[in-house]
Protein backbone atom coordinates (compact mmCIF):
# COMPACT_ATOMS: atom_id res chain seq x y z
CA MET A 1 -23.18 7.58 10.13
CA SER A 2 -21.90 5.40 12.97
CA GLN A 3 -23.76 2.37 11.61
CA VAL A 4 -21.78 2.58 8.38
CA ALA A 5 -18.52 3.07 10.24
CA ASN A 6 -18.96 0.16 12.64
CA ALA A 7 -20.25 -2.20 9.99
CA THR A 8 -17.45 -1.23 7.59
CA ILE A 9 -14.68 -1.78 10.12
CA THR A 10 -16.04 -5.20 11.07
CA ALA A 11 -16.64 -6.28 7.49
CA ALA A 12 -13.25 -5.01 6.29
CA GLU A 13 -11.38 -7.19 8.76
CA LYS A 14 -13.26 -10.28 7.65
CA ALA A 15 -13.50 -9.53 3.93
CA PHE A 16 -9.88 -8.62 3.32
CA SER A 17 -8.51 -11.63 5.15
CA PHE A 18 -10.56 -13.90 2.88
CA VAL A 19 -9.79 -11.96 -0.31
CA MET A 20 -6.04 -12.03 0.24
CA ASP A 21 -6.05 -15.82 0.51
CA ASP A 22 -8.13 -16.26 -2.63
CA LYS A 23 -6.40 -17.45 -5.79
CA GLY A 24 -8.92 -15.57 -7.91
CA TYR A 25 -7.84 -12.25 -6.39
CA THR A 26 -4.10 -12.68 -6.88
CA GLU A 27 -4.69 -13.94 -10.42
CA ALA A 28 -6.83 -10.91 -11.26
CA VAL A 29 -4.10 -8.58 -10.00
CA TRP A 30 -1.51 -10.51 -12.02
CA LEU A 31 -3.51 -10.12 -15.22
CA MET A 32 -4.04 -6.42 -14.50
CA THR A 33 -0.29 -5.86 -14.28
CA GLN A 34 0.31 -7.89 -17.43
CA LEU A 35 -2.23 -5.91 -19.43
CA ALA A 36 -0.20 -2.82 -18.58
CA ILE A 37 3.11 -4.52 -19.34
CA ALA A 38 1.80 -5.75 -22.70
CA ALA A 39 1.00 -2.17 -23.66
CA LYS A 40 4.69 -1.36 -24.10
CA LYS A 41 5.73 -4.59 -25.81
CA ASP A 42 6.55 -4.73 -29.54
CA ASP A 43 3.85 -7.38 -29.88
CA PRO A 44 1.33 -6.77 -27.07
CA TYR A 45 -0.98 -9.56 -28.18
CA ALA A 46 1.86 -12.10 -28.01
CA HIS A 47 2.59 -11.06 -24.44
CA LEU A 48 -1.07 -11.34 -23.52
CA ARG A 49 -1.21 -14.83 -25.03
CA SER A 50 1.75 -15.80 -22.85
CA VAL A 51 -0.31 -15.03 -19.74
CA GLY A 52 -3.47 -16.68 -21.05
CA ILE A 53 -5.35 -13.81 -22.72
CA SER A 54 -5.90 -14.67 -26.38
CA LEU A 55 -7.17 -11.92 -28.69
CA PRO A 56 -7.88 -11.86 -32.43
CA ASP A 57 -6.08 -9.24 -34.54
CA ASP A 58 -9.29 -7.21 -34.88
CA ALA A 59 -10.19 -7.51 -31.19
CA THR A 60 -13.26 -5.73 -29.88
CA LEU A 61 -14.03 -4.79 -26.28
CA SER A 62 -16.09 -7.96 -25.99
CA ASP A 63 -13.08 -10.02 -27.13
CA VAL A 64 -10.95 -8.44 -24.40
CA THR A 65 -13.46 -9.04 -21.62
CA VAL A 66 -14.05 -12.63 -22.74
CA GLY A 67 -10.29 -13.18 -23.02
CA ILE A 68 -9.73 -11.97 -19.45
CA SER A 69 -12.63 -14.07 -18.14
CA ASP A 70 -11.35 -17.20 -19.89
CA ALA A 71 -7.82 -16.64 -18.57
CA LEU A 72 -9.13 -16.31 -15.01
CA ASP A 73 -11.28 -19.41 -15.40
CA ARG A 74 -8.35 -21.52 -16.59
CA ALA A 75 -5.99 -20.28 -13.89
CA VAL A 76 -8.43 -20.71 -11.02
CA ASP A 77 -10.20 -23.87 -12.14
CA SER A 78 -6.88 -25.65 -12.55
CA SER A 79 -6.18 -25.24 -8.84
CA TYR A 80 -9.57 -25.48 -7.11
CA ARG A 81 -13.28 -24.75 -7.38
CA ARG A 82 -13.86 -21.11 -8.20
CA SER A 83 -15.01 -19.19 -5.14
CA ASP A 84 -17.47 -16.32 -4.80
CA LEU A 85 -14.51 -14.01 -4.12
CA ALA A 86 -12.82 -15.18 -7.32
CA GLU A 87 -16.00 -14.22 -9.17
CA ILE A 88 -15.99 -10.81 -7.47
CA SER A 89 -12.32 -10.25 -8.39
CA GLY A 90 -12.98 -11.21 -11.99
CA ARG A 91 -15.95 -8.89 -12.31
CA ALA A 92 -13.96 -6.03 -10.78
CA LEU A 93 -11.09 -6.49 -13.23
CA ILE A 94 -13.29 -6.86 -16.32
CA SER A 95 -15.35 -3.79 -15.40
CA ALA A 96 -12.26 -1.70 -14.66
CA VAL A 97 -10.60 -2.66 -17.95
CA ALA A 98 -13.78 -2.05 -19.94
CA ASP A 99 -14.17 1.41 -18.40
CA ALA A 100 -10.53 2.22 -19.18
CA LEU A 101 -10.74 1.11 -22.82
CA GLN A 102 -14.23 2.30 -23.78
CA PRO A 103 -13.38 6.03 -24.21
CA HIS A 104 -10.72 5.13 -26.78
CA LEU A 105 -13.01 2.96 -28.92
CA ASN A 106 -15.66 3.78 -31.51
CA GLY A 107 -18.72 2.91 -29.49
CA LEU A 108 -21.08 0.68 -31.43
CA PHE A 109 -19.15 0.91 -34.67
CA PRO A 110 -16.63 -1.72 -35.82
CA ASN A 111 -12.97 -1.02 -35.11
CA ASP A 112 -10.03 -1.57 -37.41
CA LYS A 113 -7.27 -3.83 -36.10
CA ASP A 114 -5.21 -0.92 -34.78
CA THR A 115 -7.96 0.64 -32.66
CA MET A 116 -7.80 -1.85 -29.81
CA ARG A 117 -4.00 -1.95 -29.87
CA ALA A 118 -3.95 1.82 -29.47
CA ALA A 119 -6.52 1.67 -26.65
CA LEU A 120 -4.57 -1.04 -24.83
CA SER A 121 -1.34 0.95 -25.16
CA ASN A 122 -2.77 3.55 -22.76
CA LEU A 123 -2.82 1.00 -19.94
CA GLY A 124 0.98 1.02 -19.90
CA LYS A 125 1.18 4.65 -18.85
CA GLN A 126 1.90 5.37 -15.20
CA LYS A 127 -1.18 7.53 -14.59
CA GLU A 128 -3.49 5.22 -16.50
CA PHE A 129 -2.32 2.19 -14.54
CA GLY A 130 -3.03 4.08 -11.33
CA ASP A 131 -6.54 4.89 -12.55
CA LEU A 132 -7.12 1.28 -13.64
CA SER A 133 -5.91 0.00 -10.28
CA ARG A 134 -8.12 2.44 -8.40
CA SER A 135 -11.16 1.36 -10.39
CA PHE A 136 -10.38 -2.31 -9.75
CA PHE A 137 -9.85 -1.94 -6.00
CA ASP A 138 -12.89 0.31 -5.61
CA ARG A 139 -15.12 -2.30 -7.22
CA LEU A 140 -13.45 -5.24 -5.49
CA THR A 141 -13.71 -3.62 -2.07
CA ASN A 142 -17.29 -2.49 -2.42
CA GLU A 143 -18.60 -5.82 -3.63
CA SER A 144 -16.52 -7.80 -1.11
CA LEU A 145 -17.83 -5.71 1.77
CA GLN A 146 -21.38 -6.02 0.48
CA TYR A 147 -20.88 -9.77 0.23
CA PHE A 148 -19.98 -10.10 3.91
CA LEU A 149 -22.36 -7.41 5.13
CA SER A 150 -25.28 -9.02 3.29
CA LYS A 151 -25.03 -12.05 5.54
CA THR A 152 -26.14 -9.91 8.46
CA LEU A 153 -27.73 -6.74 7.08
CA SER A 154 -30.27 -8.48 4.85
CA THR A 155 -32.16 -9.51 7.97
CA GLN A 156 -31.89 -6.07 9.58
CA VAL A 157 -34.61 -4.21 7.66
CA GLY A 158 -37.94 -3.58 9.38
CA GLU A 159 -39.51 -2.12 12.48
CA GLY A 160 -37.18 -2.43 15.45
CA MET A 161 -34.27 -3.46 13.22
CA ARG A 162 -31.09 -1.58 12.28
CA PHE A 163 -32.83 -0.14 9.21
CA ALA A 164 -36.47 0.76 9.68
CA THR A 165 -37.05 1.10 5.93
CA MET A 166 -35.49 0.05 2.63
CA ASN A 167 -34.69 3.72 2.04
CA GLN A 168 -32.44 3.72 5.10
CA LYS A 169 -30.69 0.61 3.74
CA ALA A 170 -30.24 2.40 0.40
CA GLN A 171 -28.67 5.35 2.22
CA PHE A 172 -26.30 2.93 3.94
CA ASP A 173 -25.30 1.43 0.58
CA HIS A 174 -24.66 4.90 -0.85
CA ALA A 175 -22.50 5.82 2.14
CA LEU A 176 -20.52 2.59 1.70
CA ASP A 177 -20.00 3.42 -1.99
CA THR A 178 -18.59 6.79 -0.95
CA HIS A 179 -16.26 5.18 1.60
CA THR A 180 -14.76 2.74 -0.89
CA ARG A 181 -14.44 5.35 -3.64
CA GLU A 182 -12.61 7.77 -1.35
CA ALA A 183 -10.38 5.05 0.10
CA SER A 184 -9.33 3.93 -3.39
CA LEU A 185 -7.59 7.27 -3.98
CA ILE A 186 -4.63 6.18 -1.89
CA VAL A 187 -4.34 2.97 -3.91
CA ARG A 188 -4.33 4.94 -7.16
CA ASP A 189 -1.32 6.99 -6.08
CA PHE A 190 0.52 4.00 -4.66
CA SER A 191 -0.20 1.86 -7.74
CA SER A 192 1.09 4.37 -10.29
CA GLU A 193 4.37 4.80 -8.40
CA TRP A 194 4.74 1.06 -7.80
CA PHE A 195 4.15 0.24 -11.47
CA SER A 196 6.68 2.76 -12.75
CA LYS A 197 9.32 1.68 -10.23
CA HIS A 198 8.96 -2.07 -10.76
CA ARG A 199 8.70 -1.95 -14.54
CA HIS A 200 11.98 -0.01 -14.63
CA LYS A 201 13.62 -2.24 -12.01
CA GLU A 202 12.60 -5.45 -13.80
CA GLY A 203 13.60 -4.33 -17.27
CA GLY A 204 10.15 -3.69 -18.69
CA ASP A 205 8.46 -6.68 -17.05
CA ILE A 206 6.81 -7.43 -13.73
CA SER A 207 7.22 -10.85 -12.15
CA ARG A 208 4.46 -12.83 -10.52
CA LYS A 209 6.33 -12.51 -7.21
CA SER A 210 6.24 -8.71 -7.52
CA SER A 211 2.59 -8.81 -8.53
CA ASP A 212 1.67 -10.94 -5.51
CA GLY A 213 3.53 -8.51 -3.26
CA PHE A 214 1.65 -5.62 -4.82
CA ALA A 215 -1.65 -7.46 -4.36
CA GLY A 216 -1.00 -7.85 -0.65
CA TYR A 217 0.26 -4.35 0.03
CA ALA A 218 -2.40 -2.57 -2.05
CA LEU A 219 -5.12 -4.48 -0.24
CA LYS A 220 -3.59 -3.55 3.12
CA LYS A 221 -3.49 0.13 2.15
CA MET A 222 -7.09 -0.07 1.01
CA LYS A 223 -8.18 -1.72 4.24
CA ASP A 224 -6.28 0.74 6.46
CA GLU A 225 -7.64 3.74 4.56
CA LEU A 226 -11.17 2.39 4.62
CA LYS A 227 -11.06 1.79 8.37
CA LEU A 228 -9.53 5.21 8.97
CA GLY A 229 -12.28 6.86 6.98
CA ALA A 230 -14.91 4.86 8.80
CA ARG A 231 -13.56 5.88 12.21
CA THR A 232 -13.41 9.52 11.13
CA SER A 233 -17.03 9.40 9.99
CA ALA A 234 -18.08 7.88 13.31
CA ASN A 235 -16.56 10.71 15.34
């Protein structure tokens, strides 16, 4: 669908330039790396507290998501008013972490204090970090593109407009979902290799400088892959 391709390429250029400059985005990536680093620490909760995520000993999934949200709020609010893109980054991280942890928990039943620790420990594995990163960037990209596209496409539904019906707009949204999901594959592979390399290089830790570099390069790879896929679909 050429409409999807052209709109995606235009929106990607605008969206990614704004996201990369947003404190909320780089902070979300930092916390994502530190969740994975904490997984291999002798006291993972102590490491998480050191980066602003406080969890009780018998932490539930809700405790984790609230802890991440609070950490993002403190980090971003201390520097400037929280932006829409910071909100998008936070939602993407919380959703990605929740999806990664949920299969290892007991659903609606209470957990003992070791259940969450065991679930969190999976985030420190190379493959699992790649999957977590893919989920984060897929969500971040999709919602960021929708954010910028909505400023123009919301007025393009109706007779004589880009989308004659709401069904056509829904088809566009589905195609965009497919684009971002497919593009995030390249970030998954890059992220797993990057995490393994840097954790080894930095003695079991990852610095904020390394995290910021990862944030920039992963976003570039996502943008390039998304635009490539959009051009291919247009041909």
